[in-house]
Amino acid sequence: MAEHQEIWCQPSDQPKRQFLVLFDDPQMDLAVFDDEEEARAFWEKANLNWTCYLMGTMPRTQSPSKGKPT
């Protein structure tokens, strides 16, 4: 049986989930990562000297809620 592959809401047909570090300074380029831990480590270090944001792509379909209140 084939394993379910999540489809990410991101440009192109990238099979891997991508993470971006976006800087407030327009002279700074985007930093793009395939690995979440690497992206978080970069963001934590960059955040010491820059105002920046870590963004991750979301699944194209909403996953069912667990323990949904009635």
N, C-alpha and C. Protein backbone atom coordinates (compact mmCIF):
# COMPACT_ATOMS: atom_id res chain seq x y z
N MET A 1 0.84 -1.17 0.00
CA MET A 1 0.00 0.00 0.00
C MET A 1 0.89 1.25 0.00
N ALA A 2 0.55 2.21 -0.82
CA ALA A 2 1.34 3.44 -0.91
C ALA A 2 1.07 4.33 0.31
N GLU A 3 2.13 4.93 0.82
CA GLU A 3 2.00 5.84 1.96
C GLU A 3 1.42 7.16 1.49
N HIS A 4 0.54 7.75 2.32
CA HIS A 4 -0.07 9.04 1.98
C HIS A 4 0.99 10.12 1.91
N GLN A 5 0.98 10.90 0.86
CA GLN A 5 1.92 12.01 0.72
C GLN A 5 1.14 13.31 0.87
N GLU A 6 1.56 14.11 1.84
CA GLU A 6 0.90 15.40 2.09
C GLU A 6 1.24 16.35 0.95
N ILE A 7 0.28 17.14 0.51
CA ILE A 7 0.50 18.15 -0.52
C ILE A 7 0.53 19.49 0.18
N TRP A 8 1.63 20.22 0.00
CA TRP A 8 1.82 21.49 0.68
C TRP A 8 1.37 22.65 -0.18
N CYS A 9 0.82 23.66 0.46
CA CYS A 9 0.37 24.86 -0.23
C CYS A 9 1.57 25.79 -0.40
N GLN A 10 2.29 25.59 -1.49
CA GLN A 10 3.50 26.37 -1.77
C GLN A 10 3.71 26.40 -3.28
N PRO A 11 4.48 27.36 -3.76
CA PRO A 11 4.71 27.47 -5.21
C PRO A 11 5.38 26.22 -5.77
N SER A 12 5.13 26.00 -7.04
CA SER A 12 5.76 24.90 -7.76
C SER A 12 5.19 23.58 -7.27
N ASP A 13 5.84 22.50 -7.63
CA ASP A 13 5.39 21.18 -7.19
C ASP A 13 6.46 20.54 -6.30
N GLN A 14 6.93 21.30 -5.33
CA GLN A 14 7.94 20.81 -4.39
C GLN A 14 7.33 19.68 -3.55
N PRO A 15 7.94 18.51 -3.55
CA PRO A 15 7.37 17.40 -2.75
C PRO A 15 7.65 17.55 -1.25
N LYS A 16 8.66 18.34 -0.88
CA LYS A 16 9.00 18.51 0.52
C LYS A 16 8.41 19.80 1.06
N ARG A 17 8.07 19.77 2.34
CA ARG A 17 7.58 20.97 3.00
C ARG A 17 8.73 21.96 3.13
N GLN A 18 8.46 23.22 2.86
CA GLN A 18 9.50 24.24 2.94
C GLN A 18 9.20 25.25 4.04
N PHE A 19 10.28 25.84 4.55
CA PHE A 19 10.21 26.83 5.62
C PHE A 19 10.98 28.06 5.17
N LEU A 20 10.43 29.23 5.48
CA LEU A 20 11.04 30.50 5.06
C LEU A 20 11.36 31.34 6.28
N VAL A 21 12.48 32.04 6.21
CA VAL A 21 12.77 33.09 7.19
C VAL A 21 12.74 34.38 6.39
N LEU A 22 11.80 35.25 6.78
CA LEU A 22 11.56 36.52 6.11
C LEU A 22 12.05 37.64 7.02
N PHE A 23 12.84 38.54 6.47
CA PHE A 23 13.40 39.66 7.23
C PHE A 23 12.61 40.93 6.97
N ASP A 24 12.48 41.78 8.00
CA ASP A 24 11.85 43.09 7.83
C ASP A 24 12.70 44.00 6.95
N ASP A 25 14.01 43.82 6.98
CA ASP A 25 14.94 44.63 6.18
C ASP A 25 14.85 44.19 4.72
N PRO A 26 14.42 45.07 3.81
CA PRO A 26 14.27 44.69 2.40
C PRO A 26 15.58 44.33 1.72
N GLN A 27 16.71 44.68 2.31
CA GLN A 27 18.00 44.33 1.72
C GLN A 27 18.41 42.89 2.02
N MET A 28 17.70 42.25 2.96
CA MET A 28 18.01 40.87 3.32
C MET A 28 17.18 39.93 2.44
N ASP A 29 17.82 38.89 1.93
CA ASP A 29 17.13 37.90 1.12
C ASP A 29 16.36 36.91 1.99
N LEU A 30 15.36 36.28 1.39
CA LEU A 30 14.65 35.19 2.04
C LEU A 30 15.63 34.04 2.27
N ALA A 31 15.45 33.32 3.35
CA ALA A 31 16.20 32.09 3.57
C ALA A 31 15.19 30.95 3.48
N VAL A 32 15.44 29.97 2.61
CA VAL A 32 14.50 28.87 2.36
C VAL A 32 15.14 27.57 2.82
N PHE A 33 14.36 26.76 3.56
CA PHE A 33 14.86 25.50 4.11
C PHE A 33 13.87 24.38 3.84
N ASP A 34 14.39 23.16 3.68
CA ASP A 34 13.56 21.95 3.59
C ASP A 34 13.43 21.30 4.96
N ASP A 35 14.33 21.62 5.87
CA ASP A 35 14.38 20.99 7.18
C ASP A 35 13.89 21.97 8.26
N GLU A 36 12.88 21.59 9.02
CA GLU A 36 12.31 22.49 10.02
C GLU A 36 13.30 22.82 11.12
N GLU A 37 14.05 21.84 11.60
CA GLU A 37 15.01 22.09 12.68
C GLU A 37 16.10 23.07 12.23
N GLU A 38 16.57 22.92 11.01
CA GLU A 38 17.58 23.83 10.46
C GLU A 38 17.01 25.25 10.33
N ALA A 39 15.76 25.34 9.87
CA ALA A 39 15.10 26.64 9.73
C ALA A 39 14.93 27.32 11.08
N ARG A 40 14.51 26.54 12.09
CA ARG A 40 14.33 27.11 13.43
C ARG A 40 15.65 27.59 14.02
N ALA A 41 16.71 26.81 13.83
CA ALA A 41 18.03 27.19 14.36
C ALA A 41 18.51 28.49 13.70
N PHE A 42 18.34 28.59 12.38
CA PHE A 42 18.73 29.80 11.65
C PHE A 42 17.93 31.00 12.15
N TRP A 43 16.60 30.82 12.29
CA TRP A 43 15.73 31.90 12.74
C TRP A 43 16.09 32.38 14.15
N GLU A 44 16.38 31.43 15.05
CA GLU A 44 16.74 31.82 16.42
C GLU A 44 18.00 32.67 16.45
N LYS A 45 19.00 32.29 15.65
CA LYS A 45 20.25 33.07 15.59
C LYS A 45 20.03 34.42 14.91
N ALA A 46 19.30 34.42 13.80
CA ALA A 46 19.06 35.66 13.05
C ALA A 46 18.22 36.63 13.87
N ASN A 47 17.33 36.11 14.69
CA ASN A 47 16.42 36.94 15.47
C ASN A 47 17.15 37.74 16.55
N LEU A 48 18.39 37.38 16.85
CA LEU A 48 19.17 38.14 17.83
C LEU A 48 19.57 39.51 17.29
N ASN A 49 19.77 39.62 15.97
CA ASN A 49 20.24 40.85 15.35
C ASN A 49 19.26 41.49 14.38
N TRP A 50 18.24 40.74 13.98
CA TRP A 50 17.31 41.21 12.96
C TRP A 50 15.88 40.96 13.42
N THR A 51 14.95 41.73 12.89
CA THR A 51 13.54 41.40 13.05
C THR A 51 13.20 40.48 11.89
N CYS A 52 12.86 39.23 12.22
CA CYS A 52 12.58 38.27 11.17
C CYS A 52 11.49 37.30 11.62
N TYR A 53 10.94 36.60 10.66
CA TYR A 53 9.80 35.73 10.91
C TYR A 53 10.06 34.36 10.29
N LEU A 54 9.68 33.32 11.01
CA LEU A 54 9.78 31.95 10.52
C LEU A 54 8.40 31.54 10.02
N MET A 55 8.33 31.08 8.78
CA MET A 55 7.05 30.66 8.19
C MET A 55 7.18 29.25 7.65
N GLY A 56 6.14 28.48 7.85
CA GLY A 56 6.10 27.12 7.32
C GLY A 56 4.87 26.96 6.45
N THR A 57 4.98 26.14 5.44
CA THR A 57 3.85 25.91 4.55
C THR A 57 2.82 25.03 5.25
N MET A 58 1.59 25.19 4.86
CA MET A 58 0.48 24.45 5.45
C MET A 58 0.00 23.39 4.48
N PRO A 59 -0.61 22.32 5.00
CA PRO A 59 -1.20 21.33 4.08
C PRO A 59 -2.31 21.96 3.26
N ARG A 60 -2.49 21.50 2.03
CA ARG A 60 -3.53 22.04 1.16
C ARG A 60 -4.92 21.68 1.67
N THR A 61 -5.02 20.54 2.34
CA THR A 61 -6.31 20.13 2.89
C THR A 61 -6.23 20.19 4.40
N GLN A 62 -7.30 20.59 5.03
CA GLN A 62 -7.34 20.70 6.47
C GLN A 62 -7.42 19.31 7.08
N SER A 63 -6.57 19.05 8.07
CA SER A 63 -6.62 17.76 8.73
C SER A 63 -7.80 17.75 9.70
N PRO A 64 -8.41 16.58 9.90
CA PRO A 64 -9.56 16.52 10.81
C PRO A 64 -9.15 16.88 12.24
N SER A 65 -10.01 17.60 12.94
CA SER A 65 -9.73 18.00 14.31
C SER A 65 -9.80 16.79 15.23
N LYS A 66 -8.88 16.74 16.16
CA LYS A 66 -8.88 15.65 17.14
C LYS A 66 -9.57 16.16 18.39
N GLY A 67 -10.46 15.36 18.94
CA GLY A 67 -11.14 15.73 20.17
C GLY A 67 -12.00 16.96 20.00
N LYS A 68 -12.69 17.07 18.87
CA LYS A 68 -13.53 18.23 18.56
C LYS A 68 -14.63 18.39 19.62
N PRO A 69 -14.77 19.57 20.23
CA PRO A 69 -15.82 19.76 21.23
C PRO A 69 -17.21 19.69 20.61
N THR A 70 -18.16 19.24 21.37
CA THR A 70 -19.52 19.13 20.84
C THR A 70 -20.39 20.26 21.32
